[in-house]
């Protein structure tokens, strides 16, 4: 085989290999765009996301690719192009009735549009400032320095843009899932459930009322307080579990039947708690709790209290087992703040030996109805 023929064969083989290596599907082009984006090759990333958009047949995925094109142009300092594709992203999401854009995501994207349009104006104004001539490499020129400065200034839109928008972290492109467009608006951090799923901690404080039952004792509705906190574990896009603790406290006033004075007993529960939340909508979720632990009955060290047998004075707080189940509704006011209501929570605690007025109490039960606020991060 002649050298010329070998060259031709080698060239054809290399060409075929390159052709075979080219992405062929929308998902493959997305991965290519993501790789180029992470490498800082923003123009190549934008072109790859455009290819993904052109090949994608799933309408639910297509808005994400437009958002990613805009992200790549924004990071590359092409403010005018970025503004155009952010607008196209919003326009396409307007027609998406299955996964509509959340208000906060729309507001964030509209701010990006405004920032990019302002950046584009600054770039155009800078590019049009005199001097507009070029510099000769041998002789320099009176306008040379200015011209060279102009060339650099044309790229300062990227710096200004970075100051006005969020800084790129590990991932800022949207995943190509069915809800990818919405993910893109939030920096690709995942699907929300009840606003945004907490990642580190979730805590809530509740106040309300409690109706206690203690055998033959008549206990009116009393004020009740609760503190619930846990570590969140996501199960899927709409559901997560929180494992932590729950503490409740209900003070109960009573009249000492020996001294006719007044006293206050406290029913405090400390429980290991597991709560599961299901996101009905991006902002609204329903939650169920199951807690197992102890009930601590305090304030019964005086003789004549109505809780111990014959009003005997206890040597200290009395500890019993406790089981609590509850149902709540959460509404995410912001990604971090949640308003919560617990219309029903039931606590059961078998009475300790020696408890109960005239020994008629076999168990303490409590029904809580509460409302409060939670913080997630």
Protein backbone atom coordinates (compact mmCIF):
# COMPACT_ATOMS: atom_id res chain seq x y z
CA UNK A 1 0.00 0.00 0.00
CA UNK A 2 1.41 3.35 -1.01
CA UNK A 3 2.00 6.14 1.47
CA UNK A 4 -0.74 8.20 -0.20
CA UNK A 5 -3.28 5.38 0.17
CA UNK A 6 -2.33 4.83 3.81
CA UNK A 7 -2.90 8.52 4.46
CA UNK A 8 -6.34 8.38 2.87
CA UNK A 9 -7.34 5.25 4.83
CA UNK A 10 -6.08 6.75 8.07
CA UNK A 11 -7.97 9.96 7.41
CA UNK A 12 -11.21 8.12 6.68
CA UNK A 13 -10.78 5.99 9.82
CA UNK A 14 -10.16 9.02 12.00
CA UNK A 15 -13.13 10.80 10.46
CA UNK A 16 -15.35 7.81 11.15
CA UNK A 17 -14.15 7.62 14.75
CA UNK A 18 -14.87 11.29 15.30
CA UNK A 19 -18.32 10.90 13.77
CA UNK A 20 -19.06 7.92 15.99
CA UNK A 21 -17.89 9.87 19.04
CA UNK A 22 -20.31 12.73 18.40
CA UNK A 23 -23.38 12.82 20.70
CA UNK A 24 -26.54 11.58 18.98
CA UNK A 25 -29.35 12.15 21.48
CA UNK A 26 -30.61 15.05 23.55
CA UNK A 27 -29.36 13.43 26.76
CA UNK A 28 -25.91 12.87 25.26
CA UNK A 29 -25.72 16.49 24.12
CA UNK A 30 -26.83 17.58 27.58
CA UNK A 31 -23.97 15.62 29.15
CA UNK A 32 -21.57 17.15 26.64
CA UNK A 33 -22.84 20.61 27.49
CA UNK A 34 -22.53 19.93 31.20
CA UNK A 35 -18.93 18.77 30.73
CA UNK A 36 -17.99 21.86 28.70
CA UNK A 37 -19.74 24.08 31.24
CA UNK A 38 -17.75 22.58 34.13
CA UNK A 39 -14.54 23.07 32.11
CA UNK A 40 -15.39 26.74 31.56
CA UNK A 41 -15.87 26.32 27.79
CA UNK A 42 -19.11 28.30 27.85
CA UNK A 43 -19.51 28.82 24.09
CA UNK A 44 -19.14 25.08 23.48
CA UNK A 45 -21.54 24.39 26.34
CA UNK A 46 -24.15 26.72 24.84
CA UNK A 47 -23.89 25.02 21.45
CA UNK A 48 -24.22 21.57 23.04
CA UNK A 49 -27.36 22.61 24.94
CA UNK A 50 -28.80 24.00 21.70
CA UNK A 51 -28.21 20.64 20.04
CA UNK A 52 -29.93 18.92 22.98
CA UNK A 53 -32.91 21.25 22.62
CA UNK A 54 -33.18 20.56 18.87
CA UNK A 55 -33.11 16.77 19.33
CA UNK A 56 -35.30 16.53 22.44
CA UNK A 57 -38.75 15.03 21.84
CA UNK A 58 -39.95 15.27 25.46
CA UNK A 59 -41.63 18.67 25.77
CA UNK A 60 -41.18 18.61 29.54
CA UNK A 61 -37.38 18.61 29.17
CA UNK A 62 -36.97 21.30 26.51
CA UNK A 63 -37.22 24.43 28.71
CA UNK A 64 -34.27 23.26 30.80
CA UNK A 65 -31.99 23.29 27.76
CA UNK A 66 -32.91 26.91 26.98
CA UNK A 67 -32.18 27.86 30.56
CA UNK A 68 -28.81 26.12 30.32
CA UNK A 69 -27.97 27.98 27.11
CA UNK A 70 -28.71 31.24 28.93
CA UNK A 71 -26.56 30.15 31.89
CA UNK A 72 -23.63 29.36 29.60
CA UNK A 73 -23.88 32.70 27.80
CA UNK A 74 -24.16 34.54 31.13
CA UNK A 75 -21.03 32.86 32.47
CA UNK A 76 -19.26 33.61 29.18
CA UNK A 77 -20.10 37.32 29.38
CA UNK A 78 -22.47 37.31 26.39
CA UNK A 79 -25.16 39.27 28.13
CA UNK A 80 -27.39 39.99 25.13
CA UNK A 81 -27.55 36.31 24.15
CA UNK A 82 -28.15 35.30 27.77
CA UNK A 83 -31.10 37.70 28.09
CA UNK A 84 -32.64 36.31 24.88
CA UNK A 85 -32.51 32.68 26.04
CA UNK A 86 -33.76 33.46 29.55
CA UNK A 87 -36.79 35.08 27.86
CA UNK A 88 -37.27 32.06 25.64
CA UNK A 89 -37.13 29.82 28.72
CA UNK A 90 -39.88 31.86 30.40
CA UNK A 91 -41.99 31.87 27.25
CA UNK A 92 -41.78 28.09 26.93
CA UNK A 93 -42.63 27.54 30.60
CA UNK A 94 -45.72 29.74 30.15
CA UNK A 95 -47.17 26.98 27.96
CA UNK A 96 -46.29 24.19 30.41
CA UNK A 97 -49.44 23.29 32.33
CA UNK A 98 -48.00 20.07 33.78
CA UNK A 99 -45.04 21.64 35.60
CA UNK A 100 -45.73 25.40 35.78
CA UNK A 101 -42.98 27.70 36.95
CA UNK A 102 -43.06 28.62 40.63
CA UNK A 103 -43.48 32.36 41.41
CA UNK A 104 -40.09 32.62 43.13
CA UNK A 105 -38.36 30.89 40.21
CA UNK A 106 -40.04 33.23 37.74
CA UNK A 107 -39.01 36.27 39.80
CA UNK A 108 -35.39 35.08 39.96
CA UNK A 109 -35.28 34.46 36.20
CA UNK A 110 -36.88 37.83 35.43
CA UNK A 111 -34.19 39.48 37.55
CA UNK A 112 -31.55 37.65 35.52
CA UNK A 113 -33.17 39.03 32.34
CA UNK A 114 -33.03 42.57 33.75
CA UNK A 115 -29.40 42.11 34.84
CA UNK A 116 -28.38 40.76 31.44
CA UNK A 117 -30.14 43.55 29.56
CA UNK A 118 -28.38 46.15 31.70
CA UNK A 119 -25.07 44.34 31.19
CA UNK A 120 -25.66 44.30 27.40
CA UNK A 121 -26.28 48.06 27.41
CA UNK A 122 -23.04 48.64 29.28
CA UNK A 123 -21.12 46.43 26.85
CA UNK A 124 -22.57 48.23 23.83
CA UNK A 125 -21.84 51.63 25.35
CA UNK A 126 -18.27 50.60 26.17
CA UNK A 127 -17.68 49.18 22.68
CA UNK A 128 -18.90 52.42 21.07
CA UNK A 129 -16.66 54.76 23.04
CA UNK A 130 -13.77 56.41 21.17
CA UNK A 131 -11.13 55.70 20.15
CA UNK A 132 -12.38 52.96 17.85
CA UNK A 133 -9.20 52.58 15.74
CA UNK A 134 -6.75 49.72 16.09
CA UNK A 135 -3.11 49.92 17.21
CA UNK A 136 -0.24 49.24 14.82
CA UNK A 137 2.11 46.69 16.42
CA UNK A 138 5.28 48.51 15.23
CA UNK A 139 4.59 52.15 15.89
CA UNK A 140 1.83 52.08 18.47
CA UNK A 141 -0.49 55.05 18.16
CA UNK A 142 -2.18 57.83 20.06
CA UNK A 143 -5.38 55.81 20.33
CA UNK A 144 -3.71 52.44 20.68
CA UNK A 145 -3.90 52.11 24.42
CA UNK A 146 -7.50 53.17 24.41
CA UNK A 147 -8.30 50.73 21.68
CA UNK A 148 -6.64 47.88 23.52
CA UNK A 149 -8.56 48.93 26.62
CA UNK A 150 -11.75 48.87 24.64
CA UNK A 151 -11.11 45.29 23.61
CA UNK A 152 -10.71 44.31 27.23
CA UNK A 153 -13.59 46.43 28.38
CA UNK A 154 -15.89 44.58 26.03
CA UNK A 155 -15.49 41.58 28.25
CA UNK A 156 -16.08 43.37 31.54
CA UNK A 157 -19.76 42.63 31.21
CA UNK A 158 -18.95 39.18 32.47
CA UNK A 159 -17.50 40.62 35.68
CA UNK A 160 -20.41 42.98 36.14
CA UNK A 161 -22.78 40.18 35.40
CA UNK A 162 -21.18 37.95 37.99
CA UNK A 163 -21.62 40.70 40.57
CA UNK A 164 -25.30 41.01 39.84
CA UNK A 165 -26.18 37.35 39.73
CA UNK A 166 -25.51 34.22 41.65
CA UNK A 167 -22.00 32.80 41.56
CA UNK A 168 -21.54 29.48 39.81
CA UNK A 169 -21.01 26.61 42.22
CA UNK A 170 -20.39 22.99 41.38
CA UNK A 171 -23.53 22.75 39.24
CA UNK A 172 -25.61 25.60 37.88
CA UNK A 173 -27.05 23.92 34.82
CA UNK A 174 -30.45 22.27 35.04
CA UNK A 175 -30.86 18.54 34.89
CA UNK A 176 -32.67 17.24 31.84
CA UNK A 177 -35.57 15.67 33.78
CA UNK A 178 -39.26 16.27 33.15
CA UNK A 179 -39.21 19.12 35.61
CA UNK A 180 -35.78 20.25 34.49
CA UNK A 181 -36.97 23.71 33.56
CA UNK A 182 -38.05 24.37 37.08
CA UNK A 183 -34.86 22.85 38.43
CA UNK A 184 -32.90 25.18 36.23
CA UNK A 185 -34.56 28.19 37.79
CA UNK A 186 -33.32 27.02 41.14
CA UNK A 187 -29.76 26.20 40.16
CA UNK A 188 -30.38 22.52 39.56
CA UNK A 189 -30.64 21.60 43.24
CA UNK A 190 -33.42 19.07 42.82
CA UNK A 191 -37.18 18.81 42.84
CA UNK A 192 -38.96 20.70 45.64
CA UNK A 193 -41.41 19.23 48.09
CA UNK A 194 -43.18 21.71 50.32
CA UNK A 195 -41.19 24.59 48.89
CA UNK A 196 -37.69 23.17 48.99
CA UNK A 197 -36.82 20.05 50.95
CA UNK A 198 -34.68 20.80 54.01
CA UNK A 199 -31.14 19.45 53.79
CA UNK A 200 -29.58 19.91 57.23
CA UNK A 201 -32.18 20.47 59.91
CA UNK A 202 -35.88 21.11 60.40
CA UNK A 203 -37.31 22.53 63.62
CA UNK A 204 -40.74 23.77 64.59
CA UNK A 205 -42.32 25.44 67.62
CA UNK A 206 -46.05 25.01 68.28
CA UNK A 207 -48.55 26.35 70.81
CA UNK A 208 -52.18 25.49 71.33
CA UNK A 209 -54.49 23.58 73.60
CA UNK A 210 -54.65 20.10 75.08
CA UNK A 211 -57.47 18.04 76.52
CA UNK A 212 -56.19 15.59 79.12
CA UNK A 213 -57.96 12.55 80.42
CA UNK A 214 -56.90 11.08 83.76
CA UNK A 215 -59.43 8.53 84.93
CA UNK A 216 -62.23 10.13 86.91
CA UNK A 217 -60.48 13.50 87.10
CA UNK A 218 -62.11 16.35 85.24
CA UNK A 219 -59.36 18.32 83.52
CA UNK A 220 -60.33 21.33 81.39
CA UNK A 221 -58.58 22.27 78.17
CA UNK A 222 -55.13 23.57 79.04
CA UNK A 223 -52.43 25.41 77.14
CA UNK A 224 -49.84 23.20 75.48
CA UNK A 225 -46.42 23.72 73.92
CA UNK A 226 -44.30 21.59 71.60
CA UNK A 227 -40.82 21.63 70.09
CA UNK A 228 -40.04 19.20 67.26
CA UNK A 229 -36.74 18.93 65.45
CA UNK A 230 -35.13 16.45 63.14
CA UNK A 231 -32.63 15.56 60.44
CA UNK A 232 -34.28 15.30 56.99
CA UNK A 233 -33.81 12.26 54.75
CA UNK A 234 -35.28 12.62 51.22
CA UNK A 235 -37.14 9.58 49.92
CA UNK A 236 -38.15 10.89 46.50
CA UNK A 237 -39.06 14.15 44.75
CA UNK A 238 -42.09 14.84 46.95
CA UNK A 239 -41.46 12.98 50.17
CA UNK A 240 -38.94 13.13 52.97
CA UNK A 241 -38.56 11.72 56.48
CA UNK A 242 -37.29 13.64 59.49
CA UNK A 243 -35.72 11.69 62.33
CA UNK A 244 -35.23 13.55 65.58
CA UNK A 245 -36.90 14.43 68.87
CA UNK A 246 -40.22 15.86 70.01
CA UNK A 247 -40.91 17.49 73.36
CA UNK A 248 -44.31 18.65 74.60
CA UNK A 249 -45.35 20.30 77.83
CA UNK A 250 -48.80 20.93 79.30
CA UNK A 251 -49.17 22.67 82.68
CA UNK A 252 -52.29 21.65 84.61
CA UNK A 253 -53.50 23.76 87.51
CA UNK A 254 -55.20 22.02 90.42
CA UNK A 255 -56.64 22.69 93.87
CA UNK A 256 -55.02 20.93 96.81
CA UNK A 257 -57.85 19.12 98.58
CA UNK A 258 -55.98 19.14 101.91
CA UNK A 259 -54.73 22.74 102.10
CA UNK A 260 -57.25 24.26 99.66
CA UNK A 261 -54.26 25.94 98.05
CA UNK A 262 -53.45 25.87 94.35
CA UNK A 263 -50.72 23.99 92.56
CA UNK A 264 -49.53 23.19 89.05
CA UNK A 265 -48.65 19.80 87.69
CA UNK A 266 -46.70 19.50 84.43
CA UNK A 267 -47.13 16.78 81.84
CA UNK A 268 -43.91 16.74 79.80
CA UNK A 269 -43.14 14.22 77.08
CA UNK A 270 -39.70 13.61 75.60
CA UNK A 271 -39.88 11.37 72.55
CA UNK A 272 -37.78 9.94 69.76
CA UNK A 273 -39.78 11.14 66.77
CA UNK A 274 -40.08 10.25 63.09
CA UNK A 275 -42.08 12.52 60.81
CA UNK A 276 -42.87 11.93 57.14
CA UNK A 277 -43.92 14.80 54.88
CA UNK A 278 -45.58 14.51 51.47
CA UNK A 279 -45.61 17.55 49.18
CA UNK A 280 -49.11 18.01 47.77
CA UNK A 281 -48.02 21.16 45.94
CA UNK A 282 -44.64 22.96 45.88
CA UNK A 283 -45.75 24.99 48.92
CA UNK A 284 -48.24 22.71 50.70
CA UNK A 285 -47.45 19.43 52.44
CA UNK A 286 -49.07 17.00 54.84
CA UNK A 287 -47.10 15.38 57.63
CA UNK A 288 -47.52 12.47 60.02
CA UNK A 289 -45.53 11.97 63.22
CA UNK A 290 -44.87 8.95 65.43
CA UNK A 291 -43.04 9.40 68.70
CA UNK A 292 -42.01 6.94 71.40
CA UNK A 293 -40.48 7.94 74.72
CA UNK A 294 -41.39 9.04 78.22
CA UNK A 295 -43.98 11.12 80.02
CA UNK A 296 -42.65 13.02 83.03
CA UNK A 297 -45.28 14.09 85.56
CA UNK A 298 -43.98 16.89 87.74
CA UNK A 299 -45.41 19.13 90.44
CA UNK A 300 -46.93 16.32 92.51
CA UNK A 301 -44.62 16.44 95.51
CA UNK A 302 -47.28 18.05 97.73
CA UNK A 303 -49.78 16.01 99.68
CA UNK A 304 -53.33 16.61 98.55
CA UNK A 305 -52.62 16.66 94.82
CA UNK A 306 -55.34 14.95 92.75
CA UNK A 307 -53.02 12.77 90.67
CA UNK A 308 -51.53 10.32 93.16
CA UNK A 309 -53.39 7.67 95.12
CA UNK A 310 -55.04 9.29 98.14
CA UNK A 311 -53.15 12.51 97.33
CA UNK A 312 -49.87 11.10 98.58
CA UNK A 313 -46.79 13.26 98.05
CA UNK A 314 -44.40 11.93 95.43
CA UNK A 315 -40.68 12.02 96.15
CA UNK A 316 -40.02 13.63 92.78
CA UNK A 317 -41.15 13.61 89.17
CA UNK A 318 -42.84 10.43 88.02
CA UNK A 319 -41.72 8.86 84.73
CA UNK A 320 -43.91 6.66 82.51
CA UNK A 321 -43.78 5.42 78.96
CA UNK A 322 -45.49 7.46 76.23
CA UNK A 323 -46.63 7.04 72.64
CA UNK A 324 -47.62 9.98 70.42
CA UNK A 325 -49.12 10.16 66.93
CA UNK A 326 -49.92 13.40 65.14
CA UNK A 327 -51.07 14.83 61.84
CA UNK A 328 -50.01 18.25 60.52
CA UNK A 329 -50.33 20.52 57.53
CA UNK A 330 -47.34 22.64 56.45
CA UNK A 331 -47.28 25.70 54.22
CA UNK A 332 -43.93 27.05 53.01
CA UNK A 333 -44.01 30.85 53.22
CA UNK A 334 -40.38 30.97 52.05
CA UNK A 335 -37.90 28.15 51.30
CA UNK A 336 -36.82 28.36 54.97
CA UNK A 337 -39.97 29.39 56.88
CA UNK A 338 -42.96 27.09 57.26
CA UNK A 339 -46.31 27.78 58.88
CA UNK A 340 -47.68 24.59 60.40
CA UNK A 341 -50.94 23.45 61.97
CA UNK A 342 -51.52 20.27 63.96
CA UNK A 343 -55.27 19.77 64.21
CA UNK A 344 -54.81 16.45 65.97
CA UNK A 345 -52.13 14.76 68.04
CA UNK A 346 -52.84 11.94 70.47
CA UNK A 347 -50.58 10.87 73.35
CA UNK A 348 -51.10 7.72 75.40
CA UNK A 349 -49.23 6.90 78.59
CA UNK A 350 -49.99 3.91 80.88
CA UNK A 351 -50.18 5.11 84.46
CA UNK A 352 -47.40 4.32 86.88
CA UNK A 353 -48.32 2.20 89.88
CA UNK A 354 -49.70 4.33 92.70
CA UNK A 355 -51.13 7.02 90.46
CA UNK A 356 -54.73 8.05 90.28
CA UNK A 357 -57.20 9.65 92.61
CA UNK A 358 -58.76 6.75 94.56
CA UNK A 359 -56.75 4.42 92.20
CA UNK A 360 -59.22 4.96 89.37
CA UNK A 361 -56.74 6.19 86.77
CA UNK A 362 -55.25 3.49 84.58
CA UNK A 363 -53.76 5.73 81.89
CA UNK A 364 -53.18 9.34 80.91
CA UNK A 365 -54.27 10.44 77.45
CA UNK A 366 -53.92 13.81 75.81
CA UNK A 367 -55.33 15.28 72.58
CA UNK A 368 -53.46 18.34 71.27
CA UNK A 369 -54.52 20.89 68.67
CA UNK A 370 -51.74 23.32 67.88
CA UNK A 371 -50.26 25.76 65.38
CA UNK A 372 -46.84 27.24 64.96
CA UNK A 373 -43.89 28.03 62.75
CA UNK A 374 -40.96 26.00 61.51
CA UNK A 375 -37.48 26.75 60.17
CA UNK A 376 -35.68 24.53 57.64
CA UNK A 377 -32.21 24.71 56.16
